[in-house]
Protein backbone atom coordinates (compact mmCIF):
# COMPACT_ATOMS: atom_id res chain seq x y z
CA MET A 1 106.11 81.91 110.02
CA LEU A 2 107.87 83.29 107.02
CA ARG A 3 111.08 81.97 106.10
CA LEU A 4 114.14 83.66 104.12
CA PRO A 5 115.08 82.33 101.15
CA GLN A 6 118.58 80.87 100.64
CA PHE A 7 121.64 83.22 99.94
CA GLY A 8 125.20 83.83 100.39
CA VAL A 9 126.97 86.96 102.15
CA GLU A 10 129.96 88.70 101.91
CA LEU A 11 131.25 91.00 104.63
CA PRO A 12 133.83 93.36 102.79
CA GLU A 13 135.77 95.82 104.99
CA THR A 14 136.21 98.98 102.66
CA VAL A 15 134.18 100.89 100.39
CA ASP A 16 136.29 99.72 97.78
CA ALA A 17 135.72 96.12 98.38
CA VAL A 18 132.10 96.43 98.13
CA VAL A 19 131.80 98.25 94.90
CA ALA A 20 134.25 95.52 93.56
CA LEU A 21 131.87 93.02 94.88
CA LEU A 22 128.64 94.82 93.42
CA ARG A 23 130.65 94.84 90.00
CA ASP A 24 131.32 91.34 89.86
CA ASN A 25 127.88 90.42 91.27
CA PRO A 26 125.16 92.39 89.53
CA SER A 27 122.44 90.37 90.95
CA ALA A 28 123.50 90.82 94.61
CA ARG A 29 122.11 93.48 97.24
CA ILE A 30 123.22 95.55 99.77
CA VAL A 31 122.29 95.02 103.52
CA ALA A 32 123.20 97.48 106.24
CA GLY A 33 120.77 97.19 109.34
CA GLY A 34 118.37 94.75 107.38
CA THR A 35 115.23 96.08 108.65
CA ASP A 36 113.58 96.72 105.34
CA ILE A 37 115.45 94.13 102.84
CA LEU A 38 114.79 91.33 105.35
CA PRO A 39 111.13 91.50 105.50
CA ASN A 40 110.98 91.69 101.76
CA LEU A 41 112.98 88.61 101.17
CA LYS A 42 110.50 86.74 103.58
CA HIS A 43 107.93 88.01 101.29
CA ARG A 44 109.75 86.79 98.38
CA LEU A 45 109.99 90.16 96.85
CA ASP A 46 113.51 89.89 96.04
CA GLU A 47 115.49 86.43 95.77
CA PRO A 48 118.91 87.76 95.11
CA PRO A 49 121.74 85.10 95.39
CA LYS A 50 124.06 87.19 97.69
CA LEU A 51 123.87 89.73 100.53
CA ILE A 52 126.93 92.18 100.66
CA SER A 53 126.98 93.64 104.15
CA LEU A 54 127.79 96.94 105.02
CA ALA A 55 128.74 95.77 108.92
CA MET A 56 132.19 96.02 108.82
CA VAL A 57 132.82 98.71 106.66
CA ARG A 58 133.40 101.63 109.21
CA GLU A 59 134.39 104.33 106.52
CA LEU A 60 130.45 104.94 106.46
CA ARG A 61 129.89 105.23 110.20
CA THR A 62 131.29 108.96 110.92
CA ILE A 63 129.54 112.41 111.38
CA GLU A 64 131.52 115.32 111.03
CA LEU A 65 132.13 118.91 109.66
CA ASP A 66 133.47 119.81 106.51
CA ALA A 67 134.65 123.08 105.85
CA SER A 68 136.72 122.31 102.66
CA GLY A 69 134.39 123.76 100.22
CA GLU A 70 132.88 127.26 99.63
CA GLY A 71 130.66 127.04 102.90
CA SER A 72 130.70 124.28 105.91
CA ASP A 73 128.90 121.15 105.46
CA LEU A 74 127.72 118.55 108.02
CA VAL A 75 128.46 115.27 106.12
CA ILE A 76 126.64 112.12 107.82
CA GLY A 77 128.02 108.69 106.74
CA ALA A 78 125.53 106.15 105.18
CA GLY A 79 126.29 103.60 108.10
CA MET A 80 125.23 105.58 110.99
CA THR A 81 122.47 103.87 112.35
CA LEU A 82 119.02 106.17 113.16
CA THR A 83 119.60 106.43 116.44
CA GLU A 84 122.93 107.70 116.11
CA VAL A 85 121.73 110.64 113.82
CA SER A 86 119.00 111.06 116.02
CA GLU A 87 120.96 111.70 119.22
CA HIS A 88 124.06 113.25 117.66
CA PRO A 89 124.77 117.06 119.04
CA LEU A 90 125.82 118.34 115.36
CA VAL A 91 122.54 117.14 113.85
CA ARG A 92 120.47 118.01 116.97
CA GLU A 93 122.18 121.57 116.70
CA HIS A 94 121.99 122.22 113.00
CA PHE A 95 119.44 120.13 111.86
CA PRO A 96 116.81 119.59 114.40
CA SER A 97 113.77 118.52 111.92
CA LEU A 98 116.12 115.68 110.82
CA ALA A 99 117.10 114.56 114.19
CA LYS A 100 113.46 114.28 114.92
CA ALA A 101 112.52 112.48 111.67
CA ALA A 102 115.44 110.12 112.35
CA GLY A 103 114.01 109.58 116.05
CA LEU A 104 110.57 108.86 114.58
CA VAL A 105 111.33 105.77 112.69
CA ALA A 106 109.88 102.67 114.18
CA SER A 107 110.81 101.34 117.33
CA PRO A 108 114.12 101.82 119.09
CA LEU A 109 114.94 98.40 118.34
CA ILE A 110 114.75 98.96 114.27
CA ARG A 111 116.46 102.57 115.16
CA ASN A 112 119.25 100.79 116.81
CA MET A 113 119.62 98.95 113.66
CA GLY A 114 118.47 100.75 110.53
CA THR A 115 120.65 103.33 109.08
CA ILE A 116 120.41 106.59 107.41
CA GLY A 117 121.58 105.33 104.07
CA GLY A 118 119.32 102.65 104.34
CA ASN A 119 116.05 105.36 104.97
CA LEU A 120 117.42 107.24 102.13
CA ASN A 121 117.16 104.17 99.89
CA LEU A 122 114.17 102.64 101.21
CA ASP A 123 112.03 100.48 99.01
CA THR A 124 108.61 101.89 97.94
CA ARG A 125 105.71 100.10 99.88
CA CYS A 126 101.88 99.65 98.69
CA ARG A 127 99.36 97.83 100.17
CA TYR A 128 99.19 95.23 97.28
CA VAL A 129 102.76 94.38 97.25
CA ASN A 130 103.69 94.21 100.59
CA GLN A 131 102.51 90.93 101.70
CA THR A 132 102.92 87.36 101.76
CA HIS A 133 103.43 85.38 98.17
CA PHE A 134 100.55 83.48 99.16
CA TRP A 135 98.23 86.54 99.74
CA ARG A 136 99.37 88.37 96.33
CA GLN A 137 98.61 85.25 94.36
CA ALA A 138 94.98 85.54 95.53
CA LEU A 139 95.12 89.05 93.21
CA GLY A 140 95.61 87.10 90.27
CA GLY A 141 99.45 87.19 90.07
CA GLY A 142 100.41 90.15 92.20
CA CYS A 143 101.19 93.28 90.66
CA LEU A 144 104.00 95.68 88.70
CA LYS A 145 106.27 95.40 91.75
CA SER A 146 105.80 91.72 92.16
CA GLU A 147 104.76 88.79 90.08
CA GLY A 148 101.94 90.71 87.89
CA ASN A 149 101.67 93.33 85.26
CA VAL A 150 98.81 95.01 86.70
CA CYS A 151 98.73 98.14 89.21
CA HIS A 152 96.06 97.40 91.38
CA VAL A 153 96.12 101.38 92.50
CA VAL A 154 95.64 102.56 89.32
CA PRO A 155 94.41 99.77 87.04
CA LYS A 156 94.80 101.14 83.88
CA GLY A 157 98.65 103.02 84.94
CA ARG A 158 101.80 101.89 83.21
CA ASN A 159 104.10 102.93 86.10
CA CYS A 160 104.25 101.59 89.72
CA VAL A 161 102.51 103.86 92.20
CA ALA A 162 104.08 102.02 95.47
CA ALA A 163 104.93 105.03 98.00
CA MET A 164 108.06 106.29 99.31
CA SER A 165 107.51 106.03 103.20
CA SER A 166 110.79 106.99 104.55
CA ASP A 167 110.81 109.75 107.57
CA CYS A 168 114.06 111.07 106.80
CA VAL A 169 113.79 111.88 102.58
CA PRO A 170 111.46 114.80 103.12
CA VAL A 171 113.69 116.52 105.43
CA LEU A 172 116.85 115.89 103.34
CA ILE A 173 115.39 117.34 100.47
CA SER A 174 113.79 120.32 102.32
CA GLN A 175 117.33 120.70 103.63
CA GLY A 176 119.11 120.76 100.17
CA ALA A 177 120.92 117.74 101.01
CA VAL A 178 123.61 116.28 98.62
CA ILE A 179 123.92 112.35 98.11
CA GLU A 180 127.42 111.05 97.81
CA GLN A 181 127.86 108.06 95.56
CA VAL A 182 130.67 105.73 94.52
CA GLY A 183 130.82 103.02 91.91
CA THR A 184 129.56 105.04 89.29
CA ALA A 185 130.94 104.43 85.47
CA ASN A 186 132.55 108.14 85.08
CA GLU A 187 136.25 108.43 85.39
CA ALA A 188 136.28 109.77 88.90
CA GLY A 189 134.50 106.99 90.06
CA LYS A 190 132.03 108.83 92.21
CA ARG A 191 129.48 111.70 91.82
CA SER A 192 127.25 113.95 94.05
CA VAL A 193 123.12 114.05 93.35
CA PRO A 194 120.85 116.60 94.94
CA ALA A 195 118.35 115.00 97.57
CA GLY A 196 115.63 116.76 95.13
CA GLU A 197 117.00 114.93 91.93
CA TYR A 198 117.59 111.57 93.60
CA PHE A 199 114.11 110.43 93.19
CA ARG A 200 112.09 109.11 90.55
CA ALA A 201 108.29 108.71 89.95
CA ASP A 202 108.23 104.79 89.29
CA GLY A 203 107.81 102.72 92.42
CA LEU A 204 109.89 100.17 90.57
CA ARG A 205 112.98 101.71 90.54
CA HIS A 206 112.19 105.06 92.43
CA THR A 207 115.91 106.25 92.82
CA VAL A 208 118.74 106.94 90.25
CA ARG A 209 121.23 105.08 91.67
CA GLU A 210 123.04 102.75 89.11
CA ASP A 211 123.59 99.14 89.54
CA GLY A 212 127.21 98.91 91.14
CA GLU A 213 126.72 102.03 93.12
CA LEU A 214 126.79 102.66 96.59
CA THR A 215 125.66 105.71 98.83
CA VAL A 216 128.53 106.56 101.05
CA ALA A 217 127.42 109.82 102.76
CA ILE A 218 124.99 112.54 102.77
CA ARG A 219 126.37 116.16 102.47
CA LEU A 220 124.17 118.86 104.29
CA PRO A 221 125.09 122.65 103.80
CA LEU A 222 125.19 124.35 107.33
CA PRO A 223 122.42 127.42 107.49
CA SER A 224 124.17 130.77 106.60
CA THR A 225 121.02 132.98 108.00
CA PRO A 226 118.66 131.86 110.73
CA ARG A 227 116.46 128.79 110.11
CA ARG A 228 113.49 127.08 111.66
CA SER A 229 112.76 123.69 110.58
CA ALA A 230 109.89 121.15 111.50
CA TYR A 231 109.13 117.41 110.51
CA ALA A 232 105.66 115.71 111.10
CA LYS A 233 103.77 112.69 110.33
CA TRP A 234 100.71 110.84 110.61
CA SER A 235 100.48 107.14 111.61
CA VAL A 236 97.92 105.06 113.63
CA ARG A 237 100.23 104.05 116.12
CA GLN A 238 102.87 106.07 117.80
CA SER A 239 105.57 103.63 116.69
CA ILE A 240 106.38 100.60 114.54
CA ASP A 241 104.22 102.35 111.75
CA PHE A 242 105.32 103.68 108.48
CA PRO A 243 103.67 106.93 108.16
CA LEU A 244 101.05 107.33 106.16
CA VAL A 245 101.58 111.10 105.40
CA SER A 246 104.55 113.03 106.38
CA VAL A 247 105.84 116.72 105.69
CA ALA A 248 109.16 118.57 106.11
CA LEU A 249 108.97 122.48 106.38
CA ARG A 250 112.01 124.65 106.02
CA PHE A 251 111.68 128.49 107.04
CA ASP A 252 114.53 130.95 106.19
CA LEU A 253 114.34 134.20 108.56
CA ASP A 254 115.12 137.63 107.92
CA GLN A 255 118.71 137.86 109.33
CA ASP A 256 117.93 141.51 110.56
CA SER A 257 114.49 141.18 111.58
CA PRO A 258 113.95 140.31 115.47
CA HIS A 259 110.60 139.12 114.62
CA GLY A 260 110.80 135.83 112.52
CA VAL A 261 110.30 137.42 109.13
CA VAL A 262 110.26 134.28 106.40
CA GLN A 263 112.36 135.23 103.54
CA GLY A 264 112.59 132.01 102.11
CA LEU A 265 109.96 128.64 102.58
CA THR A 266 110.36 125.01 101.45
CA VAL A 267 108.11 122.53 102.03
CA VAL A 268 108.06 118.90 101.34
CA ALA A 269 105.33 116.25 101.41
CA GLY A 270 105.63 112.39 101.62
CA VAL A 271 103.84 109.13 101.45
CA LEU A 272 101.98 110.53 98.23
CA GLY A 273 103.52 108.28 95.49
CA ALA A 274 107.08 107.04 94.45
CA LYS A 275 108.89 110.41 94.96
CA PRO A 276 108.07 112.80 97.76
CA ARG A 277 106.36 116.63 96.51
CA LEU A 278 107.58 119.74 96.62
CA VAL A 279 104.90 122.30 97.34
CA THR A 280 105.13 125.43 95.23
CA LYS A 281 103.20 128.80 94.84
CA LEU A 282 104.14 129.87 98.39
CA ASP A 283 105.34 133.38 97.30
CA ASP A 284 102.82 134.95 99.57
CA ALA A 285 103.75 133.63 102.57
CA LEU A 286 106.91 135.38 102.33
CA GLY A 287 107.19 138.64 104.27
CA LYS A 288 105.13 137.03 107.16
CA LYS A 289 105.83 136.33 110.47
CA LEU A 290 106.32 132.98 111.58
CA SER A 291 103.99 133.91 114.67
CA ASP A 292 101.65 135.01 112.05
CA PRO A 293 98.27 132.40 111.89
CA ALA A 294 97.76 133.62 108.27
CA LEU A 295 101.12 131.94 107.34
CA SER A 296 100.03 128.64 108.81
CA ARG A 297 96.62 129.18 106.80
CA ILE A 298 98.26 129.91 103.88
CA VAL A 299 101.03 127.04 103.87
CA SER A 300 98.42 124.33 104.86
CA GLU A 301 95.96 125.05 102.19
CA ARG A 302 98.82 124.96 99.24
CA VAL A 303 99.57 121.86 101.03
CA HIS A 304 96.03 120.33 100.69
CA LYS A 305 95.34 121.86 97.12
CA GLN A 306 98.59 120.32 95.46
CA CYS A 307 99.17 116.94 97.36
CA LYS A 308 96.62 114.35 96.51
CA PRO A 309 97.45 110.74 97.99
CA LEU A 310 96.90 107.49 96.01
CA GLU A 311 95.20 104.42 97.53
CA ASN A 312 98.58 103.09 97.81
CA VAL A 313 98.60 102.80 101.79
CA PRO A 314 95.96 101.78 104.25
CA PHE A 315 93.35 104.52 105.01
CA GLU A 316 91.40 106.46 102.47
CA ALA A 317 93.10 109.02 100.26
CA PRO A 318 90.67 112.08 101.05
CA TYR A 319 91.33 111.45 104.83
CA ARG A 320 94.97 111.06 104.29
CA ARG A 321 95.04 114.27 102.41
CA GLN A 322 93.16 116.15 105.08
CA MET A 323 95.42 114.63 107.71
CA LEU A 324 98.09 116.04 105.49
CA ALA A 325 96.74 119.78 106.12
CA VAL A 326 96.08 119.21 109.57
CA TYR A 327 99.81 118.09 110.45
CA THR A 328 101.55 120.65 108.27
CA ARG A 329 99.15 123.51 110.64
CA ARG A 330 100.45 121.75 113.52
CA ALA A 331 103.83 121.69 112.77
CA ILE A 332 103.95 125.44 112.05
CA GLU A 333 102.33 126.13 115.06
CA ALA A 334 104.80 124.08 117.08
CA LEU A 335 107.54 126.37 115.91
CA THR A 336 105.98 129.35 117.34
CA ALA A 337 105.33 127.59 120.78
CA ASP A 338 108.82 126.72 121.50
């Protein structure tokens, strides 16, 4: 049985108190649902002297519409559980792909504990590091992400290529979400970061979140034109497992067309490296009907051509690449069958 290391726990009740604790305890770690950090602590991937729990911070537990800006946004508090996000009527109405992604994470027990903020900031994973300390020592001292200085996926690589395995992140990027952070060093003490700019390619520090910062909310602009969106992932089991590949799709449709003509298209692939991949060169898919078989063929071919998984999670990379194209096509075809 793997045991937790010793650490202290703080239970602040406000966002300001959390930021103050982060400022005074730079080595502390934030814990919300604990479904990611606690297993990592058991594996000795981190041994912080203190955890700052968000369990009592009610400010983070809201989902509401905000029309105070130029348009209307759906604002999801970072402390909302994945179950709450997947079942909330506003999320299901305006962002069904996010509701689906949140509802596919792991198992009901984990979704009842894990939060949307935690899934956003989920640590990267790799078959060579997410093991016991004893197992890692058999490699000769771990890897870049643990006790060693070598990447076992890319032996001559300088950066960690552990994979971002979050279900919700590709969807959030595809929907143009904005991440609200507090505790920054600027005068306002807060900043907003587009989800597409929040992630970095280095698996050791794969987000732009600064030390002392706290994610407080995710802001999603409501669609101004008809939109269809989908999320699909492949995993060996239908529960528990992290995705081995995933894809989020967003189709913006012509408002004046009764046949679902695509005028905008966003495709984001996950579980390739430390950050999701935005698929490009999709212009030849525009102007086609959503039900046109050529559309799913074009998009799946672009995904297969541009997305090259690494050997950083189980199953061979070429097979995962093929499955990514398959699940992309299936997701598009499922939209037309609804």
